[in-house]
Structures are given as structure tokens and as C-alpha cells.
C-alpha atoms as a PDB file:
ATOM      1  CA  MET A   1     136.095  28.744 111.609  1.00  0.00           C
ATOM      2  CA  SER A   2     137.810  31.979 110.738  1.00  0.00           C
ATOM      3  CA  GLU A   3     137.207  33.816 107.490  1.00  0.00           C
ATOM      4  CA  LYS A   4     140.827  33.181 106.381  1.00  0.00           C
ATOM      5  CA  GLN A   5     140.472  29.420 106.872  1.00  0.00           C
ATOM      6  CA  THR A   6     137.213  29.437 104.918  1.00  0.00           C
ATOM      7  CA  ASP A   7     138.820  31.401 102.062  1.00  0.00           C
ATOM      8  CA  ASP A   8     141.753  28.967 101.906  1.00  0.00           C
ATOM      9  CA  GLN A   9     139.380  26.045 101.363  1.00  0.00           C
ATOM     10  CA  HIS A  10     137.716  27.569  98.289  1.00  0.00           C
ATOM     11  CA  GLU A  11     139.138  26.919  94.850  1.00  0.00           C
ATOM     12  CA  GLU A  12     140.356  29.904  92.913  1.00  0.00           C
ATOM     13  CA  GLY A  13     139.205  28.680  89.547  1.00  0.00           C
ATOM     14  CA  VAL A  14     138.464  30.013  86.135  1.00  0.00           C
ATOM     15  CA  GLU A  15     136.178  28.473  83.576  1.00  0.00           C
ATOM     16  CA  VAL A  16     137.911  27.229  80.436  1.00  0.00           C
ATOM     17  CA  PRO A  17     135.660  27.007  77.371  1.00  0.00           C
ATOM     18  CA  TYR A  18     135.730  23.329  76.399  1.00  0.00           C
ATOM     19  CA  ASP A  19     135.817  24.208  72.707  1.00  0.00           C
ATOM     20  CA  ARG A  20     139.137  26.033  73.250  1.00  0.00           C
ATOM     21  CA  ILE A  21     140.793  22.854  74.600  1.00  0.00           C
ATOM     22  CA  ASN A  22     142.642  20.602  72.161  1.00  0.00           C
ATOM     23  CA  PRO A  23     140.146  17.809  71.319  1.00  0.00           C
ATOM     24  CA  ASP A  24     142.604  15.035  72.271  1.00  0.00           C
ATOM     25  CA  THR A  25     143.368  16.735  75.580  1.00  0.00           C
ATOM     26  CA  LEU A  26     139.664  17.212  76.286  1.00  0.00           C
ATOM     27  CA  ARG A  27     138.916  13.555  75.502  1.00  0.00           C
ATOM     28  CA  ASN A  28     141.756  12.431  77.809  1.00  0.00           C
ATOM     29  CA  MET A  29     140.462  14.735  80.545  1.00  0.00           C
ATOM     30  CA  ILE A  30     136.944  13.338  80.213  1.00  0.00           C
ATOM     31  CA  GLN A  31     138.223   9.741  80.181  1.00  0.00           C
ATOM     32  CA  GLU A  32     140.119  10.397  83.421  1.00  0.00           C
ATOM     33  CA  PHE A  33     137.006  12.026  84.888  1.00  0.00           C
ATOM     34  CA  VAL A  34     134.645   9.140  84.102  1.00  0.00           C
ATOM     35  CA  THR A  35     137.088   6.461  85.305  1.00  0.00           C
ATOM     36  CA  ARG A  36     138.052   8.281  88.498  1.00  0.00           C
ATOM     37  CA  ASP A  37     137.638   6.410  91.786  1.00  0.00           C
ATOM     38  CA  GLY A  38     134.288   7.314  93.273  1.00  0.00           C
ATOM     39  CA  ALA A  39     132.685   8.129  89.921  1.00  0.00           C
ATOM     40  CA  ASP A  40     129.092   6.954  90.268  1.00  0.00           C
ATOM     41  CA  TRP A  41     127.736   5.735  86.952  1.00  0.00           C
ATOM     42  CA  GLY A  42     125.540   3.123  88.601  1.00  0.00           C
ATOM     43  CA  ASP A  43     124.943  -0.079  86.696  1.00  0.00           C
ATOM     44  CA  THR A  44     124.456   1.626  83.347  1.00  0.00           C
ATOM     45  CA  GLY A  45     126.318  -0.911  81.236  1.00  0.00           C
ATOM     46  CA  CYS A  46     127.802   1.998  79.264  1.00  0.00           C
ATOM     47  CA  SER A  47     131.132   1.686  77.519  1.00  0.00           C
ATOM     48  CA  LEU A  48     133.907   4.179  78.190  1.00  0.00           C
ATOM     49  CA  GLU A  49     133.125   5.840  74.852  1.00  0.00           C
ATOM     50  CA  ASP A  50     129.422   6.144  75.806  1.00  0.00           C
ATOM     51  CA  LYS A  51     130.403   7.857  79.066  1.00  0.00           C
ATOM     52  CA  VAL A  52     132.763  10.244  77.251  1.00  0.00           C
ATOM     53  CA  GLU A  53     130.001  11.126  74.782  1.00  0.00           C
ATOM     54  CA  GLN A  54     127.570  11.761  77.650  1.00  0.00           C
ATOM     55  CA  VAL A  55     129.999  14.234  79.250  1.00  0.00           C
ATOM     56  CA  LEU A  56     130.649  15.920  75.888  1.00  0.00           C
ATOM     57  CA  GLU A  57     126.894  16.331  75.460  1.00  0.00           C
ATOM     58  CA  GLN A  58     126.643  17.850  78.953  1.00  0.00           C
ATOM     59  CA  LEU A  59     129.431  20.292  78.038  1.00  0.00           C
ATOM     60  CA  ARG A  60     127.608  21.262  74.836  1.00  0.00           C
ATOM     61  CA  ASN A  61     124.355  21.766  76.772  1.00  0.00           C
ATOM     62  CA  LYS A  62     126.127  23.812  79.481  1.00  0.00           C
ATOM     63  CA  LYS A  63     125.175  21.341  82.228  1.00  0.00           C
ATOM     64  CA  VAL A  64     128.847  20.931  83.174  1.00  0.00           C
ATOM     65  CA  LYS A  65     131.953  23.037  82.581  1.00  0.00           C
ATOM     66  CA  VAL A  66     135.739  22.756  82.720  1.00  0.00           C
ATOM     67  CA  VAL A  67     137.332  24.732  85.543  1.00  0.00           C
ATOM     68  CA  LEU A  68     141.063  25.330  86.075  1.00  0.00           C
ATOM     69  CA  ASP A  69     142.031  25.575  89.746  1.00  0.00           C
ATOM     70  CA  LEU A  70     144.659  28.321  89.836  1.00  0.00           C
ATOM     71  CA  ARG A  71     146.192  27.129  93.099  1.00  0.00           C
ATOM     72  CA  SER A  72     146.790  23.513  92.146  1.00  0.00           C
ATOM     73  CA  GLN A  73     147.038  24.112  88.372  1.00  0.00           C
ATOM     74  CA  THR A  74     144.608  21.255  87.783  1.00  0.00           C
ATOM     75  CA  ALA A  75     141.472  21.111  85.685  1.00  0.00           C
ATOM     76  CA  ASN A  76     138.193  19.501  86.661  1.00  0.00           C
ATOM     77  CA  ILE A  77     134.731  19.037  85.206  1.00  0.00           C
ATOM     78  CA  VAL A  78     132.048  20.454  87.476  1.00  0.00           C
ATOM     79  CA  ALA A  79     128.282  20.892  87.349  1.00  0.00           C
ATOM     80  CA  CYS A  80     126.984  24.310  86.343  1.00  0.00           C
ATOM     81  CA  ARG A  81     124.843  26.104  88.869  1.00  0.00           C
END
């Protein structure tokens, strides 16, 4: 694979501090994230609100972060490295 093709496959993203996002927008983003097809929550028996709170806690503890993909103009929640 050429270097150009490899570069095109990488997201050009910037981290957005979660505490700078409107709280309602952040909650909606997290709700979409935890209900997304392919989300693996196992058989936890957690409510939607429990899942949202778990993601908020991970944001506070810097285990995950919000990233804006500049190419697609979409935001996602990703694990921190």
C-alpha cells in the first residue's frame, strides 16, 4: 500500500475537551455512542442512564476522549492511549 493511501485512511482529528461541549449535546452524543450497532456492553443489565454515566466517568478519568474528525465533521468517543 502506498504512503498516500495509508495517509488517506487515517482520521485527521482534534480532541475536544468534553467539558467545553454543551451538556445536552454531550449527553446526546454519549447516548448515541452507547446505543450504536456493534456496541458491546455484554449482558450487564445496565440502563441507558447507567451506560451514559459510565462513559461520563471515563471522560472525567481521561480513559476516553471526544475527537472531532476534520474530514467528515463528525465527533466520536475513543479510548485514550
